[in-house]
Amino acid sequence: MSSLKEELLELEKKLVDPDLRSTPEKLAPLLADDLIEFGSSGHAYDKKRILFLLKRQIPTRLSIEEFHLIPLSDAAALVTYRAATESTRTTAAHYSLRSSLWVRRQDGWQMLFHQGTNVPESK
């Protein structure tokens, strides 16, 4: 695995860590000030709203599968992956397809865009 792929995978893992997600001051440096997220709910969120909502979110475990990196330049990269979400409320995992646009800024890599799309449950 390339070092950039490893680095961005580790950053994505940090962003899905339940402890970090509930601590805005630790999460904020990983998110660009001009971040936009298209959530699986169909709503768009900015950084301020994301930090507010994550602090109040019920903790869930999310694992990253099928992680892919598409380098766009020396300072930008797109990552895509499949996420499995396990909640304390249910026993079955729910899946989503996710994509993130990362940009290298003065303080390191920051997420500029993120989208999550729920995968329908198999019947």
PDB file of N, CA and C in Angstrom:
ATOM      1  N   MET A   1       0.854  -1.178   0.000  1.00  0.00           N
ATOM      2  CA  MET A   1       0.000   0.000   0.000  1.00  0.00           C
ATOM      3  C   MET A   1       0.897   1.237   0.000  1.00  0.00           C
ATOM      4  N   SER A   2       0.564   2.212  -0.838  1.00  0.00           N
ATOM      5  CA  SER A   2       1.385   3.414  -0.901  1.00  0.00           C
ATOM      6  C   SER A   2       1.285   4.202   0.398  1.00  0.00           C
ATOM      7  N   SER A   3       2.279   5.022   0.650  1.00  0.00           N
ATOM      8  CA  SER A   3       2.263   5.793   1.896  1.00  0.00           C
ATOM      9  C   SER A   3       1.113   6.797   1.919  1.00  0.00           C
ATOM     10  N   LEU A   4       0.760   7.402   0.775  1.00  0.00           N
ATOM     11  CA  LEU A   4      -0.376   8.320   0.735  1.00  0.00           C
ATOM     12  C   LEU A   4      -1.682   7.574   1.026  1.00  0.00           C
ATOM     13  N   LYS A   5      -1.824   6.415   0.446  1.00  0.00           N
ATOM     14  CA  LYS A   5      -3.033   5.619   0.692  1.00  0.00           C
ATOM     15  C   LYS A   5      -3.130   5.253   2.169  1.00  0.00           C
ATOM     16  N   GLU A   6      -2.021   4.836   2.745  1.00  0.00           N
ATOM     17  CA  GLU A   6      -1.996   4.495   4.176  1.00  0.00           C
ATOM     18  C   GLU A   6      -2.328   5.704   5.037  1.00  0.00           C
ATOM     19  N   GLU A   7      -1.755   6.855   4.687  1.00  0.00           N
ATOM     20  CA  GLU A   7      -1.984   8.074   5.464  1.00  0.00           C
ATOM     21  C   GLU A   7      -3.455   8.489   5.424  1.00  0.00           C
ATOM     22  N   LEU A   8      -4.058   8.482   4.230  1.00  0.00           N
ATOM     23  CA  LEU A   8      -5.454   8.897   4.127  1.00  0.00           C
ATOM     24  C   LEU A   8      -6.394   7.861   4.730  1.00  0.00           C
ATOM     25  N   LEU A   9      -6.050   6.586   4.655  1.00  0.00           N
ATOM     26  CA  LEU A   9      -6.849   5.569   5.331  1.00  0.00           C
ATOM     27  C   LEU A   9      -6.826   5.797   6.836  1.00  0.00           C
ATOM     28  N   GLU A  10      -5.674   6.112   7.385  1.00  0.00           N
ATOM     29  CA  GLU A  10      -5.579   6.389   8.827  1.00  0.00           C
ATOM     30  C   GLU A  10      -6.395   7.622   9.209  1.00  0.00           C
ATOM     31  N   LEU A  11      -6.399   8.646   8.368  1.00  0.00           N
ATOM     32  CA  LEU A  11      -7.199   9.836   8.647  1.00  0.00           C
ATOM     33  C   LEU A  11      -8.690   9.511   8.598  1.00  0.00           C
ATOM     34  N   GLU A  12      -9.104   8.710   7.626  1.00  0.00           N
ATOM     35  CA  GLU A  12     -10.517   8.292   7.562  1.00  0.00           C
ATOM     36  C   GLU A  12     -10.889   7.477   8.808  1.00  0.00           C
ATOM     37  N   LYS A  13      -9.985   6.603   9.251  1.00  0.00           N
ATOM     38  CA  LYS A  13     -10.257   5.820  10.465  1.00  0.00           C
ATOM     39  C   LYS A  13     -10.407   6.723  11.679  1.00  0.00           C
ATOM     40  N   LYS A  14      -9.593   7.780  11.755  1.00  0.00           N
ATOM     41  CA  LYS A  14      -9.731   8.727  12.860  1.00  0.00           C
ATOM     42  C   LYS A  14     -11.106   9.391  12.832  1.00  0.00           C
ATOM     43  N   LEU A  15     -11.555   9.742  11.635  1.00  0.00           N
ATOM     44  CA  LEU A  15     -12.838  10.438  11.508  1.00  0.00           C
ATOM     45  C   LEU A  15     -14.031   9.563  11.851  1.00  0.00           C
ATOM     46  N   VAL A  16     -13.873   8.242  11.806  1.00  0.00           N
ATOM     47  CA  VAL A  16     -14.989   7.362  12.163  1.00  0.00           C
ATOM     48  C   VAL A  16     -14.842   6.795  13.574  1.00  0.00           C
ATOM     49  N   ASP A  17     -13.770   7.158  14.267  1.00  0.00           N
ATOM     50  CA  ASP A  17     -13.570   6.691  15.638  1.00  0.00           C
ATOM     51  C   ASP A  17     -14.610   7.350  16.552  1.00  0.00           C
ATOM     52  N   PRO A  18     -15.429   6.566  17.272  1.00  0.00           N
ATOM     53  CA  PRO A  18     -16.485   7.143  18.117  1.00  0.00           C
ATOM     54  C   PRO A  18     -15.977   8.136  19.153  1.00  0.00           C
ATOM     55  N   ASP A  19     -14.792   7.908  19.723  1.00  0.00           N
ATOM     56  CA  ASP A  19     -14.253   8.833  20.724  1.00  0.00           C
ATOM     57  C   ASP A  19     -13.879  10.170  20.097  1.00  0.00           C
ATOM     58  N   LEU A  20     -13.260  10.125  18.926  1.00  0.00           N
ATOM     59  CA  LEU A  20     -12.861  11.354  18.254  1.00  0.00           C
ATOM     60  C   LEU A  20     -14.085  12.114  17.747  1.00  0.00           C
ATOM     61  N   ARG A  21     -15.084  11.393  17.239  1.00  0.00           N
ATOM     62  CA  ARG A  21     -16.283  12.027  16.692  1.00  0.00           C
ATOM     63  C   ARG A  21     -17.038  12.835  17.748  1.00  0.00           C
ATOM     64  N   SER A  22     -16.921  12.451  18.999  1.00  0.00           N
ATOM     65  CA  SER A  22     -17.639  13.169  20.054  1.00  0.00           C
ATOM     66  C   SER A  22     -16.784  14.278  20.676  1.00  0.00           C
ATOM     67  N   THR A  23     -15.611  14.510  20.115  1.00  0.00           N
ATOM     68  CA  THR A  23     -14.702  15.529  20.635  1.00  0.00           C
ATOM     69  C   THR A  23     -14.370  16.520  19.513  1.00  0.00           C
ATOM     70  N   PRO A  24     -15.206  17.562  19.346  1.00  0.00           N
ATOM     71  CA  PRO A  24     -15.021  18.487  18.216  1.00  0.00           C
ATOM     72  C   PRO A  24     -13.642  19.118  18.121  1.00  0.00           C
ATOM     73  N   GLU A  25     -13.018  19.430  19.259  1.00  0.00           N
ATOM     74  CA  GLU A  25     -11.705  20.087  19.195  1.00  0.00           C
ATOM     75  C   GLU A  25     -10.626  19.163  18.623  1.00  0.00           C
ATOM     76  N   LYS A  26     -10.807  17.860  18.710  1.00  0.00           N
ATOM     77  CA  LYS A  26      -9.856  16.920  18.116  1.00  0.00           C
ATOM     78  C   LYS A  26     -10.199  16.636  16.656  1.00  0.00           C
ATOM     79  N   LEU A  27     -11.471  16.673  16.332  1.00  0.00           N
ATOM     80  CA  LEU A  27     -11.935  16.382  14.980  1.00  0.00           C
ATOM     81  C   LEU A  27     -11.738  17.568  14.034  1.00  0.00           C
ATOM     82  N   ALA A  28     -11.932  18.765  14.533  1.00  0.00           N
ATOM     83  CA  ALA A  28     -11.932  19.977  13.704  1.00  0.00           C
ATOM     84  C   ALA A  28     -10.691  20.152  12.825  1.00  0.00           C
ATOM     85  N   PRO A  29      -9.471  19.886  13.319  1.00  0.00           N
ATOM     86  CA  PRO A  29      -8.297  20.099  12.458  1.00  0.00           C
ATOM     87  C   PRO A  29      -8.260  19.202  11.217  1.00  0.00           C
ATOM     88  N   LEU A  30      -8.995  18.101  11.232  1.00  0.00           N
ATOM     89  CA  LEU A  30      -9.015  17.196  10.080  1.00  0.00           C
ATOM     90  C   LEU A  30      -9.998  17.643   9.010  1.00  0.00           C
ATOM     91  N   LEU A  31     -10.850  18.610   9.353  1.00  0.00           N
ATOM     92  CA  LEU A  31     -11.879  19.079   8.430  1.00  0.00           C
ATOM     93  C   LEU A  31     -11.547  20.488   7.952  1.00  0.00           C
ATOM     94  N   ALA A  32     -11.606  20.701   6.641  1.00  0.00           N
ATOM     95  CA  ALA A  32     -11.368  22.022   6.076  1.00  0.00           C
ATOM     96  C   ALA A  32     -12.481  22.971   6.522  1.00  0.00           C
ATOM     97  N   ASP A  33     -12.148  24.235   6.720  1.00  0.00           N
ATOM     98  CA  ASP A  33     -13.159  25.215   7.120  1.00  0.00           C
ATOM     99  C   ASP A  33     -14.271  25.330   6.086  1.00  0.00           C
ATOM    100  N   ASP A  34     -13.945  25.087   4.808  1.00  0.00           N
ATOM    101  CA  ASP A  34     -14.934  25.172   3.740  1.00  0.00           C
ATOM    102  C   ASP A  34     -15.488  23.795   3.344  1.00  0.00           C
ATOM    103  N   LEU A  35     -15.424  22.845   4.267  1.00  0.00           N
ATOM    104  CA  LEU A  35     -15.943  21.492   4.044  1.00  0.00           C
ATOM    105  C   LEU A  35     -17.430  21.524   3.730  1.00  0.00           C
ATOM    106  N   ILE A  36     -17.834  20.632   2.838  1.00  0.00           N
ATOM    107  CA  ILE A  36     -19.249  20.365   2.577  1.00  0.00           C
ATOM    108  C   ILE A  36     -19.435  18.855   2.577  1.00  0.00           C
ATOM    109  N   GLU A  37     -20.489  18.404   3.209  1.00  0.00           N
ATOM    110  CA  GLU A  37     -20.811  16.974   3.214  1.00  0.00           C
ATOM    111  C   GLU A  37     -22.226  16.792   2.709  1.00  0.00           C
ATOM    112  N   PHE A  38     -22.390  15.840   1.787  1.00  0.00           N
ATOM    113  CA  PHE A  38     -23.715  15.410   1.370  1.00  0.00           C
ATOM    114  C   PHE A  38     -23.991  14.126   2.132  1.00  0.00           C
ATOM    115  N   GLY A  39     -24.881  14.209   3.116  1.00  0.00           N
ATOM    116  CA  GLY A  39     -25.167  13.066   3.971  1.00  0.00           C
ATOM    117  C   GLY A  39     -26.106  12.075   3.310  1.00  0.00           C
ATOM    118  N   SER A  40     -26.150  10.877   3.863  1.00  0.00           N
ATOM    119  CA  SER A  40     -27.033   9.839   3.339  1.00  0.00           C
ATOM    120  C   SER A  40     -28.500  10.219   3.516  1.00  0.00           C
ATOM    121  N   SER A  41     -28.764  11.220   4.365  1.00  0.00           N
ATOM    122  CA  SER A  41     -30.126  11.716   4.569  1.00  0.00           C
ATOM    123  C   SER A  41     -30.600  12.578   3.407  1.00  0.00           C
ATOM    124  N   GLY A  42     -29.661  12.995   2.551  1.00  0.00           N
ATOM    125  CA  GLY A  42     -30.005  13.878   1.458  1.00  0.00           C
ATOM    126  C   GLY A  42     -29.755  15.342   1.791  1.00  0.00           C
ATOM    127  N   HIS A  43     -29.306  15.630   3.005  1.00  0.00           N
ATOM    128  CA  HIS A  43     -29.016  16.994   3.423  1.00  0.00           C
ATOM    129  C   HIS A  43     -27.535  17.319   3.206  1.00  0.00           C
ATOM    130  N   ALA A  44     -27.263  18.611   3.018  1.00  0.00           N
ATOM    131  CA  ALA A  44     -25.883  19.091   2.916  1.00  0.00           C
ATOM    132  C   ALA A  44     -25.511  19.753   4.236  1.00  0.00           C
ATOM    133  N   TYR A  45     -24.264  19.553   4.661  1.00  0.00           N
ATOM    134  CA  TYR A  45     -23.796  20.074   5.946  1.00  0.00           C
ATOM    135  C   TYR A  45     -22.469  20.794   5.766  1.00  0.00           C
ATOM    136  N   ASP A  46     -22.264  21.858   6.553  1.00  0.00           N
ATOM    137  CA  ASP A  46     -20.963  22.509   6.589  1.00  0.00           C
ATOM    138  C   ASP A  46     -20.212  22.036   7.841  1.00  0.00           C
ATOM    139  N   LYS A  47     -18.981  22.484   7.999  1.00  0.00           N
ATOM    140  CA  LYS A  47     -18.132  22.019   9.104  1.00  0.00           C
ATOM    141  C   LYS A  47     -18.766  22.293  10.464  1.00  0.00           C
ATOM    142  N   LYS A  48     -19.273  23.494  10.644  1.00  0.00           N
ATOM    143  CA  LYS A  48     -19.857  23.861  11.932  1.00  0.00           C
ATOM    144  C   LYS A  48     -21.022  22.931  12.295  1.00  0.00           C
ATOM    145  N   ARG A  49     -21.886  22.654  11.338  1.00  0.00           N
ATOM    146  CA  ARG A  49     -23.050  21.792  11.592  1.00  0.00           C
ATOM    147  C   ARG A  49     -22.613  20.352  11.851  1.00  0.00           C
ATOM    148  N   ILE A  50     -21.623  19.876  11.117  1.00  0.00           N
ATOM    149  CA  ILE A  50     -21.128  18.506  11.311  1.00  0.00           C
ATOM    150  C   ILE A  50     -20.585  18.332  12.723  1.00  0.00           C
ATOM    151  N   LEU A  51     -19.764  19.275  13.172  1.00  0.00           N
ATOM    152  CA  LEU A  51     -19.182  19.187  14.512  1.00  0.00           C
ATOM    153  C   LEU A  51     -20.273  19.216  15.581  1.00  0.00           C
ATOM    154  N   PHE A  52     -21.303  20.021  15.383  1.00  0.00           N
ATOM    155  CA  PHE A  52     -22.419  20.107  16.319  1.00  0.00           C
ATOM    156  C   PHE A  52     -23.171  18.779  16.374  1.00  0.00           C
ATOM    157  N   LEU A  53     -23.490  18.218  15.219  1.00  0.00           N
ATOM    158  CA  LEU A  53     -24.277  16.986  15.169  1.00  0.00           C
ATOM    159  C   LEU A  53     -23.499  15.771  15.674  1.00  0.00           C
ATOM    160  N   LEU A  54     -22.211  15.692  15.348  1.00  0.00           N
ATOM    161  CA  LEU A  54     -21.426  14.529  15.767  1.00  0.00           C
ATOM    162  C   LEU A  54     -21.285  14.457  17.277  1.00  0.00           C
ATOM    163  N   LYS A  55     -21.220  15.609  17.925  1.00  0.00           N
ATOM    164  CA  LYS A  55     -21.085  15.630  19.381  1.00  0.00           C
ATOM    165  C   LYS A  55     -22.311  14.995  20.055  1.00  0.00           C
ATOM    166  N   ARG A  56     -23.440  15.052  19.382  1.00  0.00           N
ATOM    167  CA  ARG A  56     -24.694  14.550  19.946  1.00  0.00           C
ATOM    168  C   ARG A  56     -25.109  13.188  19.389  1.00  0.00           C
ATOM    169  N   GLN A  57     -24.317  12.639  18.500  1.00  0.00           N
ATOM    170  CA  GLN A  57     -24.647  11.382  17.847  1.00  0.00           C
ATOM    171  C   GLN A  57     -24.470  10.192  18.793  1.00  0.00           C
ATOM    172  N   ILE A  58     -25.346   9.220  18.670  1.00  0.00           N
ATOM    173  CA  ILE A  58     -25.207   7.973  19.430  1.00  0.00           C
ATOM    174  C   ILE A  58     -23.976   7.241  18.892  1.00  0.00           C
ATOM    175  N   PRO A  59     -23.057   6.832  19.771  1.00  0.00           N
ATOM    176  CA  PRO A  59     -21.830   6.174  19.307  1.00  0.00           C
ATOM    177  C   PRO A  59     -22.118   4.900  18.508  1.00  0.00           C
ATOM    178  N   THR A  60     -21.455   4.783  17.383  1.00  0.00           N
ATOM    179  CA  THR A  60     -21.537   3.588  16.548  1.00  0.00           C
ATOM    180  C   THR A  60     -20.134   3.196  16.121  1.00  0.00           C
ATOM    181  N   ARG A  61     -19.959   1.938  15.805  1.00  0.00           N
ATOM    182  CA  ARG A  61     -18.688   1.443  15.272  1.00  0.00           C
ATOM    183  C   ARG A  61     -18.815   1.385  13.767  1.00  0.00           C
ATOM    184  N   LEU A  62     -17.852   1.944  13.083  1.00  0.00           N
ATOM    185  CA  LEU A  62     -17.853   1.940  11.632  1.00  0.00           C
ATOM    186  C   LEU A  62     -16.533   1.358  11.158  1.00  0.00           C
ATOM    187  N   SER A  63     -16.609   0.393  10.284  1.00  0.00           N
ATOM    188  CA  SER A  63     -15.378  -0.181   9.734  1.00  0.00           C
ATOM    189  C   SER A  63     -15.295   0.149   8.246  1.00  0.00           C
ATOM    190  N   ILE A  64     -14.073   0.291   7.776  1.00  0.00           N
ATOM    191  CA  ILE A  64     -13.807   0.687   6.393  1.00  0.00           C
ATOM    192  C   ILE A  64     -13.362  -0.539   5.608  1.00  0.00           C
ATOM    193  N   GLU A  65     -14.025  -0.764   4.474  1.00  0.00           N
ATOM    194  CA  GLU A  65     -13.710  -1.887   3.591  1.00  0.00           C
ATOM    195  C   GLU A  65     -13.505  -1.347   2.178  1.00  0.00           C
ATOM    196  N   GLU A  66     -12.781  -2.089   1.357  1.00  0.00           N
ATOM    197  CA  GLU A  66     -12.615  -1.774  -0.066  1.00  0.00           C
ATOM    198  C   GLU A  66     -12.150  -0.329  -0.277  1.00  0.00           C
ATOM    199  N   PHE A  67     -11.107   0.054   0.438  1.00  0.00           N
ATOM    200  CA  PHE A  67     -10.584   1.418   0.391  1.00  0.00           C
ATOM    201  C   PHE A  67      -9.761   1.612  -0.878  1.00  0.00           C
ATOM    202  N   HIS A  68     -10.086   2.672  -1.635  1.00  0.00           N
ATOM    203  CA  HIS A  68      -9.372   2.976  -2.877  1.00  0.00           C
ATOM    204  C   HIS A  68      -8.919   4.427  -2.866  1.00  0.00           C
ATOM    205  N   LEU A  69      -7.771   4.684  -3.454  1.00  0.00           N
ATOM    206  CA  LEU A  69      -7.198   6.016  -3.558  1.00  0.00           C
ATOM    207  C   LEU A  69      -7.079   6.397  -5.027  1.00  0.00           C
ATOM    208  N   ILE A  70      -7.503   7.634  -5.352  1.00  0.00           N
ATOM    209  CA  ILE A  70      -7.297   8.198  -6.676  1.00  0.00           C
ATOM    210  C   ILE A  70      -6.549   9.520  -6.484  1.00  0.00           C
ATOM    211  N   PRO A  71      -5.235   9.533  -6.705  1.00  0.00           N
ATOM    212  CA  PRO A  71      -4.485  10.791  -6.584  1.00  0.00           C
ATOM    213  C   PRO A  71      -4.922  11.760  -7.687  1.00  0.00           C
ATOM    214  N   LEU A  72      -5.185  12.998  -7.308  1.00  0.00           N
ATOM    215  CA  LEU A  72      -5.605  14.005  -8.289  1.00  0.00           C
ATOM    216  C   LEU A  72      -4.476  14.985  -8.594  1.00  0.00           C
ATOM    217  N   SER A  73      -3.629  15.246  -7.613  1.00  0.00           N
ATOM    218  CA  SER A  73      -2.449  16.101  -7.765  1.00  0.00           C
ATOM    219  C   SER A  73      -1.576  15.852  -6.540  1.00  0.00           C
ATOM    220  N   ASP A  74      -0.508  16.627  -6.405  1.00  0.00           N
ATOM    221  CA  ASP A  74       0.323  16.492  -5.207  1.00  0.00           C
ATOM    222  C   ASP A  74      -0.408  16.949  -3.950  1.00  0.00           C
ATOM    223  N   ALA A  75      -1.465  17.756  -4.147  1.00  0.00           N
ATOM    224  CA  ALA A  75      -2.158  18.340  -2.997  1.00  0.00           C
ATOM    225  C   ALA A  75      -3.636  17.977  -2.926  1.00  0.00           C
ATOM    226  N   ALA A  76      -4.059  16.969  -3.689  1.00  0.00           N
ATOM    227  CA  ALA A  76      -5.470  16.568  -3.653  1.00  0.00           C
ATOM    228  C   ALA A  76      -5.596  15.089  -4.000  1.00  0.00           C
ATOM    229  N   ALA A  77      -6.543  14.437  -3.317  1.00  0.00           N
ATOM    230  CA  ALA A  77      -6.780  13.016  -3.570  1.00  0.00           C
ATOM    231  C   ALA A  77      -8.230  12.682  -3.246  1.00  0.00           C
ATOM    232  N   LEU A  78      -8.767  11.758  -4.002  1.00  0.00           N
ATOM    233  CA  LEU A  78     -10.112  11.244  -3.770  1.00  0.00           C
ATOM    234  C   LEU A  78      -9.979   9.839  -3.201  1.00  0.00           C
ATOM    235  N   VAL A  79     -10.709   9.560  -2.131  1.00  0.00           N
ATOM    236  CA  VAL A  79     -10.756   8.202  -1.607  1.00  0.00           C
ATOM    237  C   VAL A  79     -12.206   7.730  -1.642  1.00  0.00           C
ATOM    238  N   THR A  80     -12.375   6.448  -1.903  1.00  0.00           N
ATOM    239  CA  THR A  80     -13.694   5.828  -1.880  1.00  0.00           C
ATOM    240  C   THR A  80     -13.597   4.553  -1.069  1.00  0.00           C
ATOM    241  N   TYR A  81     -14.707   4.201  -0.425  1.00  0.00           N
ATOM    242  CA  TYR A  81     -14.726   2.967   0.353  1.00  0.00           C
ATOM    243  C   TYR A  81     -16.151   2.563   0.688  1.00  0.00           C
ATOM    244  N   ARG A  82     -16.259   1.370   1.181  1.00  0.00           N
ATOM    245  CA  ARG A  82     -17.519   0.829   1.679  1.00  0.00           C
ATOM    246  C   ARG A  82     -17.405   0.814   3.194  1.00  0.00           C
ATOM    247  N   ALA A  83     -18.434   1.319   3.856  1.00  0.00           N
ATOM    248  CA  ALA A  83     -18.418   1.384   5.311  1.00  0.00           C
ATOM    249  C   ALA A  83     -19.495   0.471   5.878  1.00  0.00           C
ATOM    250  N   ALA A  84     -19.146  -0.245   6.928  1.00  0.00           N
ATOM    251  CA  ALA A  84     -20.097  -1.075   7.668  1.00  0.00           C
ATOM    252  C   ALA A  84     -20.311  -0.402   9.020  1.00  0.00           C
ATOM    253  N   THR A  85     -21.552  -0.075   9.320  1.00  0.00           N
ATOM    254  CA  THR A  85     -21.890   0.596  10.572  1.00  0.00           C
ATOM    255  C   THR A  85     -22.583  -0.377  11.498  1.00  0.00           C
ATOM    256  N   GLU A  86     -22.043  -0.505  12.704  1.00  0.00           N
ATOM    257  CA  GLU A  86     -22.644  -1.354  13.725  1.00  0.00           C
ATOM    258  C   GLU A  86     -23.125  -0.468  14.857  1.00  0.00           C
ATOM    259  N   SER A  87     -24.396  -0.574  15.187  1.00  0.00           N
ATOM    260  CA  SER A  87     -24.979   0.237  16.239  1.00  0.00           C
ATOM    261  C   SER A  87     -25.189  -0.600  17.486  1.00  0.00           C
ATOM    262  N   THR A  88     -25.261   0.057  18.626  1.00  0.00           N
ATOM    263  CA  THR A  88     -25.561  -0.654  19.865  1.00  0.00           C
ATOM    264  C   THR A  88     -27.047  -1.021  19.914  1.00  0.00           C
ATOM    265  N   ARG A  89     -27.829  -0.456  19.010  1.00  0.00           N
ATOM    266  CA  ARG A  89     -29.277  -0.706  18.982  1.00  0.00           C
ATOM    267  C   ARG A  89     -29.663  -1.938  18.180  1.00  0.00           C
ATOM    268  N   THR A  90     -28.859  -2.311  17.179  1.00  0.00           N
ATOM    269  CA  THR A  90     -29.200  -3.438  16.322  1.00  0.00           C
ATOM    270  C   THR A  90     -28.019  -4.390  16.218  1.00  0.00           C
ATOM    271  N   THR A  91     -28.298  -5.610  15.769  1.00  0.00           N
ATOM    272  CA  THR A  91     -27.226  -6.594  15.612  1.00  0.00           C
ATOM    273  C   THR A  91     -26.697  -6.634  14.183  1.00  0.00           C
ATOM    274  N   ALA A  92     -27.516  -6.218  13.204  1.00  0.00           N
ATOM    275  CA  ALA A  92     -27.099  -6.264  11.812  1.00  0.00           C
ATOM    276  C   ALA A  92     -26.331  -4.997  11.439  1.00  0.00           C
ATOM    277  N   ALA A  93     -25.323  -5.167  10.604  1.00  0.00           N
ATOM    278  CA  ALA A  93     -24.564  -4.016  10.115  1.00  0.00           C
ATOM    279  C   ALA A  93     -25.311  -3.370   8.952  1.00  0.00           C
ATOM    280  N   HIS A  94     -25.161  -2.064   8.827  1.00  0.00           N
ATOM    281  CA  HIS A  94     -25.706  -1.321   7.699  1.00  0.00           C
ATOM    282  C   HIS A  94     -24.524  -0.823   6.889  1.00  0.00           C
ATOM    283  N   TYR A  95     -24.688  -0.813   5.567  1.00  0.00           N
ATOM    284  CA  TYR A  95     -23.576  -0.458   4.690  1.00  0.00           C
ATOM    285  C   TYR A  95     -23.845   0.844   3.946  1.00  0.00           C
ATOM    286  N   SER A  96     -22.761   1.544   3.650  1.00  0.00           N
ATOM    287  CA  SER A  96     -22.843   2.751   2.836  1.00  0.00           C
ATOM    288  C   SER A  96     -21.607   2.824   1.959  1.00  0.00           C
ATOM    289  N   LEU A  97     -21.756   3.514   0.843  1.00  0.00           N
ATOM    290  CA  LEU A  97     -20.622   3.819  -0.025  1.00  0.00           C
ATOM    291  C   LEU A  97     -20.226   5.249   0.273  1.00  0.00           C
ATOM    292  N   ARG A  98     -18.941   5.500   0.419  1.00  0.00           N
ATOM    293  CA  ARG A  98     -18.474   6.812   0.834  1.00  0.00           C
ATOM    294  C   ARG A  98     -17.345   7.297  -0.065  1.00  0.00           C
ATOM    295  N   SER A  99     -17.295   8.603  -0.216  1.00  0.00           N
ATOM    296  CA  SER A  99     -16.196   9.220  -0.945  1.00  0.00           C
ATOM    297  C   SER A  99     -15.782  10.485  -0.215  1.00  0.00           C
ATOM    298  N   SER A 100     -14.497  10.749  -0.213  1.00  0.00           N
ATOM    299  CA  SER A 100     -13.948  11.938   0.436  1.00  0.00           C
ATOM    300  C   SER A 100     -12.900  12.560  -0.467  1.00  0.00           C
ATOM    301  N   LEU A 101     -12.945  13.881  -0.546  1.00  0.00           N
ATOM    302  CA  LEU A 101     -11.918  14.628  -1.247  1.00  0.00           C
ATOM    303  C   LEU A 101     -11.017  15.252  -0.194  1.00  0.00           C
ATOM    304  N   TRP A 102      -9.740  14.882  -0.239  1.00  0.00           N
ATOM    305  CA  TRP A 102      -8.746  15.384   0.716  1.00  0.00           C
ATOM    306  C   TRP A 102      -7.837  16.372   0.009  1.00  0.00           C
ATOM    307  N   VAL A 103      -7.504  17.462   0.699  1.00  0.00           N
ATOM    308  CA  VAL A 103      -6.570  18.459   0.156  1.00  0.00           C
ATOM    309  C   VAL A 103      -5.450  18.683   1.165  1.00  0.00           C
ATOM    310  N   ARG A 104      -4.251  18.866   0.633  1.00  0.00           N
ATOM    311  CA  ARG A 104      -3.103  19.152   1.496  1.00  0.00           C
ATOM    312  C   ARG A 104      -3.007  20.669   1.649  1.00  0.00           C
ATOM    313  N   ARG A 105      -3.108  21.099   2.893  1.00  0.00           N
ATOM    314  CA  ARG A 105      -3.019  22.524   3.200  1.00  0.00           C
ATOM    315  C   ARG A 105      -1.828  22.730   4.121  1.00  0.00           C
ATOM    316  N   GLN A 106      -1.617  23.948   4.605  1.00  0.00           N
ATOM    317  CA  GLN A 106      -0.438  24.255   5.427  1.00  0.00           C
ATOM    318  C   GLN A 106      -0.288  23.317   6.611  1.00  0.00           C
ATOM    319  N   ASP A 107      -1.377  22.965   7.261  1.00  0.00           N
ATOM    320  CA  ASP A 107      -1.308  22.119   8.456  1.00  0.00           C
ATOM    321  C   ASP A 107      -1.446  20.634   8.157  1.00  0.00           C
ATOM    322  N   GLY A 108      -1.395  20.252   6.894  1.00  0.00           N
ATOM    323  CA  GLY A 108      -1.499  18.848   6.536  1.00  0.00           C
ATOM    324  C   GLY A 108      -2.784  18.565   5.768  1.00  0.00           C
ATOM    325  N   TRP A 109      -3.145  17.290   5.703  1.00  0.00           N
ATOM    326  CA  TRP A 109      -4.315  16.870   4.951  1.00  0.00           C
ATOM    327  C   TRP A 109      -5.598  17.223   5.698  1.00  0.00           C
ATOM    328  N   GLN A 110      -6.570  17.753   4.934  1.00  0.00           N
ATOM    329  CA  GLN A 110      -7.888  18.056   5.477  1.00  0.00           C
ATOM    330  C   GLN A 110      -8.957  17.579   4.495  1.00  0.00           C
ATOM    331  N   MET A 111     -10.076  17.131   5.043  1.00  0.00           N
ATOM    332  CA  MET A 111     -11.193  16.711   4.214  1.00  0.00           C
ATOM    333  C   MET A 111     -11.941  17.959   3.738  1.00  0.00           C
ATOM    334  N   LEU A 112     -12.129  18.066   2.426  1.00  0.00           N
ATOM    335  CA  LEU A 112     -12.809  19.203   1.825  1.00  0.00           C
ATOM    336  C   LEU A 112     -14.246  18.844   1.435  1.00  0.00           C
ATOM    337  N   PHE A 113     -14.472  17.581   1.085  1.00  0.00           N
ATOM    338  CA  PHE A 113     -15.796  17.123   0.656  1.00  0.00           C
ATOM    339  C   PHE A 113     -15.976  15.676   1.085  1.00  0.00           C
ATOM    340  N   HIS A 114     -17.206  15.334   1.470  1.00  0.00           N
ATOM    341  CA  HIS A 114     -17.529  13.949   1.821  1.00  0.00           C
ATOM    342  C   HIS A 114     -18.958  13.654   1.409  1.00  0.00           C
ATOM    343  N   GLN A 115     -19.182  12.435   0.942  1.00  0.00           N
ATOM    344  CA  GLN A 115     -20.538  11.995   0.621  1.00  0.00           C
ATOM    345  C   GLN A 115     -20.706  10.554   1.072  1.00  0.00           C
ATOM    346  N   GLY A 116     -21.843  10.292   1.698  1.00  0.00           N
ATOM    347  CA  GLY A 116     -22.214   8.936   2.099  1.00  0.00           C
ATOM    348  C   GLY A 116     -23.534   8.564   1.461  1.00  0.00           C
ATOM    349  N   THR A 117     -23.585   7.380   0.853  1.00  0.00           N
ATOM    350  CA  THR A 117     -24.799   6.892   0.219  1.00  0.00           C
ATOM    351  C   THR A 117     -25.126   5.528   0.793  1.00  0.00           C
ATOM    352  N   ASN A 118     -26.304   5.402   1.394  1.00  0.00           N
ATOM    353  CA  ASN A 118     -26.700   4.117   1.972  1.00  0.00           C
ATOM    354  C   ASN A 118     -26.854   3.066   0.890  1.00  0.00           C
ATOM    355  N   VAL A 119     -26.456   1.841   1.219  1.00  0.00           N
ATOM    356  CA  VAL A 119     -26.636   0.693   0.331  1.00  0.00           C
ATOM    357  C   VAL A 119     -27.894  -0.023   0.808  1.00  0.00           C
ATOM    358  N   PRO A 120     -28.834  -0.267  -0.092  1.00  0.00           N
ATOM    359  CA  PRO A 120     -30.072  -0.956   0.328  1.00  0.00           C
ATOM    360  C   PRO A 120     -29.753  -2.320   0.927  1.00  0.00           C
ATOM    361  N   GLU A 121     -30.548  -2.689   1.931  1.00  0.00           N
ATOM    362  CA  GLU A 121     -30.365  -4.005   2.560  1.00  0.00           C
ATOM    363  C   GLU A 121     -30.774  -5.099   1.588  1.00  0.00           C
ATOM    364  N   SER A 122     -30.033  -6.209   1.606  1.00  0.00           N
ATOM    365  CA  SER A 122     -30.368  -7.365   0.762  1.00  0.00           C
ATOM    366  C   SER A 122     -31.566  -8.062   1.361  1.00  0.00           C
ATOM    367  N   LYS A 123     -32.422  -8.535   0.491  1.00  0.00           N
ATOM    368  CA  LYS A 123     -33.622  -9.246   0.953  1.00  0.00           C
ATOM    369  C   LYS A 123     -33.501 -10.709   0.649  1.00  0.00           C
TER     370      LYS A 123
END
